[in-house]
């Protein structure tokens, strides 16, 4: 880890734990749909939570979680674009 040399283990654990945001996929029916876009569909992948994730990036105690969640949402949006041509589920 280049950015968090002194705390690379903590940084890695926090970044990996941000994957737990995908537990909201269990609320969908069907749970897995290869053509569904996560952004805008699942509760923790909405625009209001994403704004909250961005705010987490600015506080030192929540910065790692915020960065991890923002990266997660960006990757989900890229996946939506590549699979369906949309950045979010309207």
N, C-alpha and C. Protein backbone atom coordinates (compact mmCIF):
# COMPACT_ATOMS: atom_id res chain seq x y z
N UNK A 1 0.84 -1.18 0.00
CA UNK A 1 0.00 0.00 0.00
C UNK A 1 0.89 1.24 0.00
N UNK A 2 0.76 2.02 -1.02
CA UNK A 2 1.59 3.21 -1.16
C UNK A 2 1.09 4.34 -0.28
N UNK A 3 -0.21 4.52 -0.19
CA UNK A 3 -0.77 5.67 0.52
C UNK A 3 -0.83 5.48 2.03
N UNK A 4 -0.92 4.27 2.52
CA UNK A 4 -1.09 4.01 3.94
C UNK A 4 0.01 3.07 4.42
N UNK A 5 1.26 3.47 4.26
CA UNK A 5 2.39 2.59 4.58
C UNK A 5 2.42 2.17 6.04
N UNK A 6 2.12 3.08 6.95
CA UNK A 6 2.18 2.77 8.38
C UNK A 6 1.00 1.91 8.82
N UNK A 7 -0.12 2.04 8.15
CA UNK A 7 -1.34 1.32 8.55
C UNK A 7 -1.86 0.46 7.41
N UNK A 8 -1.00 -0.19 6.65
CA UNK A 8 -1.45 -0.92 5.47
C UNK A 8 -2.37 -2.08 5.82
N UNK A 9 -2.16 -2.73 6.96
CA UNK A 9 -3.02 -3.85 7.33
C UNK A 9 -4.42 -3.37 7.67
N UNK A 10 -4.52 -2.30 8.44
CA UNK A 10 -5.82 -1.72 8.78
C UNK A 10 -6.51 -1.20 7.53
N UNK A 11 -5.76 -0.52 6.68
CA UNK A 11 -6.33 0.02 5.45
C UNK A 11 -6.88 -1.11 4.57
N UNK A 12 -6.14 -2.18 4.46
CA UNK A 12 -6.59 -3.32 3.64
C UNK A 12 -7.84 -3.93 4.23
N UNK A 13 -7.88 -4.11 5.54
CA UNK A 13 -9.05 -4.70 6.20
C UNK A 13 -10.30 -3.84 6.02
N UNK A 14 -10.14 -2.53 6.18
CA UNK A 14 -11.29 -1.62 6.02
C UNK A 14 -11.77 -1.61 4.57
N UNK A 15 -10.85 -1.55 3.63
CA UNK A 15 -11.23 -1.52 2.20
C UNK A 15 -11.95 -2.82 1.81
N UNK A 16 -11.46 -3.94 2.28
CA UNK A 16 -12.10 -5.22 1.97
C UNK A 16 -13.47 -5.31 2.65
N UNK A 17 -13.58 -4.77 3.87
CA UNK A 17 -14.86 -4.84 4.57
C UNK A 17 -15.94 -3.98 3.93
N UNK A 18 -15.56 -3.02 3.09
CA UNK A 18 -16.58 -2.22 2.42
C UNK A 18 -17.37 -3.05 1.40
N UNK A 19 -16.90 -4.25 1.11
CA UNK A 19 -17.65 -5.14 0.23
C UNK A 19 -18.95 -5.60 0.89
N UNK A 20 -19.06 -5.45 2.21
CA UNK A 20 -20.28 -5.84 2.91
C UNK A 20 -21.48 -5.01 2.47
N UNK A 21 -21.24 -3.90 1.80
CA UNK A 21 -22.34 -3.09 1.29
C UNK A 21 -23.17 -3.89 0.28
N UNK A 22 -22.58 -4.92 -0.28
CA UNK A 22 -23.30 -5.76 -1.24
C UNK A 22 -24.31 -6.69 -0.59
N UNK A 23 -24.41 -6.69 0.72
CA UNK A 23 -25.43 -7.50 1.38
C UNK A 23 -26.84 -7.04 1.01
N UNK A 24 -26.97 -5.79 0.56
CA UNK A 24 -28.30 -5.33 0.14
C UNK A 24 -28.78 -6.04 -1.12
N UNK A 25 -27.92 -6.74 -1.80
CA UNK A 25 -28.34 -7.53 -2.96
C UNK A 25 -29.25 -8.67 -2.54
N UNK A 26 -29.15 -9.08 -1.29
CA UNK A 26 -29.98 -10.18 -0.79
C UNK A 26 -31.45 -9.76 -0.68
N UNK A 27 -31.73 -8.47 -0.72
CA UNK A 27 -33.11 -7.98 -0.64
C UNK A 27 -33.82 -8.02 -1.99
N UNK A 28 -33.08 -8.21 -3.06
CA UNK A 28 -33.66 -8.19 -4.41
C UNK A 28 -34.27 -9.54 -4.75
N UNK A 29 -35.22 -9.49 -5.65
CA UNK A 29 -35.84 -10.72 -6.15
C UNK A 29 -35.84 -10.67 -7.67
N UNK A 30 -35.10 -11.49 -8.36
CA UNK A 30 -34.18 -12.51 -7.86
C UNK A 30 -32.92 -11.87 -7.28
N UNK A 31 -32.23 -12.62 -6.44
CA UNK A 31 -31.02 -12.09 -5.80
C UNK A 31 -29.99 -11.70 -6.84
N UNK A 32 -29.82 -12.53 -7.86
CA UNK A 32 -28.83 -12.24 -8.91
C UNK A 32 -29.52 -12.12 -10.25
N UNK A 33 -29.29 -11.03 -10.92
CA UNK A 33 -29.77 -10.81 -12.27
C UNK A 33 -28.60 -10.21 -13.06
N UNK A 34 -28.05 -10.95 -14.01
CA UNK A 34 -26.85 -10.47 -14.70
C UNK A 34 -27.07 -9.18 -15.49
N UNK A 35 -28.30 -8.84 -15.81
CA UNK A 35 -28.58 -7.64 -16.59
C UNK A 35 -29.00 -6.45 -15.74
N UNK A 36 -29.04 -6.62 -14.43
CA UNK A 36 -29.49 -5.54 -13.55
C UNK A 36 -28.31 -4.67 -13.13
N UNK A 37 -28.54 -3.39 -13.10
CA UNK A 37 -27.55 -2.42 -12.65
C UNK A 37 -27.74 -2.17 -11.15
N UNK A 38 -26.69 -2.27 -10.38
CA UNK A 38 -26.78 -2.09 -8.93
C UNK A 38 -27.06 -0.64 -8.54
N UNK A 39 -26.42 0.28 -9.24
CA UNK A 39 -26.54 1.70 -8.89
C UNK A 39 -27.97 2.17 -9.16
N UNK A 40 -28.60 2.66 -8.10
CA UNK A 40 -29.96 3.14 -8.22
C UNK A 40 -31.01 2.07 -7.99
N UNK A 41 -30.62 0.80 -7.88
CA UNK A 41 -31.59 -0.27 -7.68
C UNK A 41 -31.57 -0.74 -6.23
N UNK A 42 -30.41 -1.09 -5.72
CA UNK A 42 -30.30 -1.59 -4.35
C UNK A 42 -30.25 -0.42 -3.37
N UNK A 43 -30.79 -0.61 -2.16
CA UNK A 43 -30.88 0.51 -1.20
C UNK A 43 -29.55 1.18 -0.86
N UNK A 44 -28.50 0.41 -0.67
CA UNK A 44 -27.21 0.99 -0.31
C UNK A 44 -26.39 1.42 -1.52
N UNK A 45 -26.99 1.30 -2.70
CA UNK A 45 -26.34 1.72 -3.94
C UNK A 45 -27.09 2.90 -4.57
N UNK A 46 -27.87 3.60 -3.77
CA UNK A 46 -28.64 4.74 -4.25
C UNK A 46 -27.81 6.02 -4.20
N UNK A 47 -28.40 7.08 -4.72
CA UNK A 47 -27.66 8.34 -4.80
C UNK A 47 -27.49 9.02 -3.44
N UNK A 48 -28.45 8.90 -2.55
CA UNK A 48 -28.31 9.49 -1.22
C UNK A 48 -27.23 8.77 -0.41
N UNK A 49 -27.22 7.43 -0.36
CA UNK A 49 -26.10 6.77 0.32
C UNK A 49 -24.74 7.09 -0.32
N UNK A 50 -24.68 7.19 -1.64
CA UNK A 50 -23.41 7.50 -2.29
C UNK A 50 -22.93 8.89 -1.87
N UNK A 51 -23.85 9.83 -1.72
CA UNK A 51 -23.47 11.16 -1.23
C UNK A 51 -22.91 11.05 0.19
N UNK A 52 -23.50 10.19 1.01
CA UNK A 52 -22.98 9.95 2.35
C UNK A 52 -21.59 9.33 2.32
N UNK A 53 -21.36 8.40 1.39
CA UNK A 53 -20.04 7.79 1.26
C UNK A 53 -19.00 8.84 0.87
N UNK A 54 -19.39 9.77 0.02
CA UNK A 54 -18.47 10.86 -0.34
C UNK A 54 -18.13 11.72 0.87
N UNK A 55 -19.11 11.98 1.71
CA UNK A 55 -18.86 12.79 2.91
C UNK A 55 -17.93 12.07 3.88
N UNK A 56 -18.03 10.73 3.94
CA UNK A 56 -17.14 9.96 4.81
C UNK A 56 -15.67 10.17 4.45
N UNK A 57 -15.40 10.46 3.20
CA UNK A 57 -14.02 10.63 2.73
C UNK A 57 -13.33 11.85 3.35
N UNK A 58 -14.10 12.79 3.88
CA UNK A 58 -13.52 14.03 4.37
C UNK A 58 -13.20 14.03 5.86
N UNK A 59 -13.67 13.05 6.61
CA UNK A 59 -13.37 12.98 8.04
C UNK A 59 -12.26 11.95 8.25
N UNK A 60 -11.24 12.31 9.01
CA UNK A 60 -10.09 11.41 9.17
C UNK A 60 -10.44 10.02 9.72
N UNK A 61 -11.42 9.93 10.62
CA UNK A 61 -11.76 8.64 11.21
C UNK A 61 -12.53 7.72 10.26
N UNK A 62 -13.21 8.29 9.28
CA UNK A 62 -14.02 7.49 8.37
C UNK A 62 -13.48 7.51 6.94
N UNK A 63 -12.33 8.11 6.76
CA UNK A 63 -11.78 8.29 5.41
C UNK A 63 -11.57 6.98 4.67
N UNK A 64 -11.01 5.99 5.33
CA UNK A 64 -10.74 4.70 4.66
C UNK A 64 -12.03 4.03 4.20
N UNK A 65 -13.03 4.01 5.07
CA UNK A 65 -14.31 3.41 4.70
C UNK A 65 -14.94 4.19 3.56
N UNK A 66 -14.89 5.51 3.61
CA UNK A 66 -15.45 6.34 2.55
C UNK A 66 -14.78 6.09 1.21
N UNK A 67 -13.46 6.02 1.23
CA UNK A 67 -12.72 5.77 -0.01
C UNK A 67 -13.09 4.40 -0.57
N UNK A 68 -13.14 3.40 0.31
CA UNK A 68 -13.50 2.05 -0.14
C UNK A 68 -14.90 1.99 -0.73
N UNK A 69 -15.85 2.67 -0.09
CA UNK A 69 -17.23 2.67 -0.59
C UNK A 69 -17.36 3.44 -1.90
N UNK A 70 -16.66 4.55 -2.02
CA UNK A 70 -16.72 5.32 -3.27
C UNK A 70 -16.10 4.52 -4.41
N UNK A 71 -14.98 3.85 -4.15
CA UNK A 71 -14.37 3.01 -5.18
C UNK A 71 -15.33 1.88 -5.57
N UNK A 72 -15.98 1.29 -4.58
CA UNK A 72 -16.95 0.22 -4.84
C UNK A 72 -18.08 0.72 -5.75
N UNK A 73 -18.63 1.87 -5.44
CA UNK A 73 -19.73 2.41 -6.24
C UNK A 73 -19.25 2.79 -7.65
N UNK A 74 -18.05 3.32 -7.75
CA UNK A 74 -17.51 3.65 -9.07
C UNK A 74 -17.34 2.39 -9.92
N UNK A 75 -16.84 1.33 -9.31
CA UNK A 75 -16.68 0.08 -10.05
C UNK A 75 -18.03 -0.51 -10.45
N UNK A 76 -19.03 -0.39 -9.56
CA UNK A 76 -20.37 -0.87 -9.92
C UNK A 76 -20.94 -0.04 -11.07
N UNK A 77 -20.71 1.26 -11.07
CA UNK A 77 -21.20 2.11 -12.16
C UNK A 77 -20.51 1.76 -13.47
N UNK A 78 -19.22 1.48 -13.42
CA UNK A 78 -18.50 1.07 -14.63
C UNK A 78 -19.05 -0.26 -15.14
N UNK A 79 -19.34 -1.19 -14.22
CA UNK A 79 -19.93 -2.47 -14.60
C UNK A 79 -21.28 -2.25 -15.27
N UNK A 80 -22.08 -1.35 -14.74
CA UNK A 80 -23.38 -1.03 -15.36
C UNK A 80 -23.19 -0.51 -16.78
N UNK A 81 -22.22 0.37 -16.95
CA UNK A 81 -21.96 0.95 -18.26
C UNK A 81 -21.52 -0.11 -19.25
N UNK A 82 -20.67 -1.01 -18.83
CA UNK A 82 -20.15 -2.04 -19.72
C UNK A 82 -21.19 -3.10 -20.07
N UNK A 83 -22.08 -3.43 -19.12
CA UNK A 83 -23.05 -4.50 -19.36
C UNK A 83 -24.35 -4.01 -20.00
N UNK A 84 -24.80 -2.79 -19.62
CA UNK A 84 -26.10 -2.34 -20.12
C UNK A 84 -26.06 -1.00 -20.84
N UNK A 85 -24.92 -0.33 -20.84
CA UNK A 85 -24.82 0.96 -21.49
C UNK A 85 -25.37 2.10 -20.65
N UNK A 86 -25.71 1.83 -19.39
CA UNK A 86 -26.24 2.85 -18.48
C UNK A 86 -25.27 3.03 -17.31
N UNK A 87 -25.26 4.21 -16.72
CA UNK A 87 -24.42 4.44 -15.54
C UNK A 87 -25.19 4.11 -14.28
N UNK A 88 -26.52 4.08 -14.33
CA UNK A 88 -27.34 3.77 -13.17
C UNK A 88 -28.67 3.22 -13.64
N UNK A 89 -29.43 2.64 -12.73
CA UNK A 89 -30.73 2.07 -13.04
C UNK A 89 -31.77 3.17 -12.88
N UNK A 90 -32.39 3.60 -13.98
CA UNK A 90 -33.38 4.69 -13.87
C UNK A 90 -34.67 4.23 -13.22
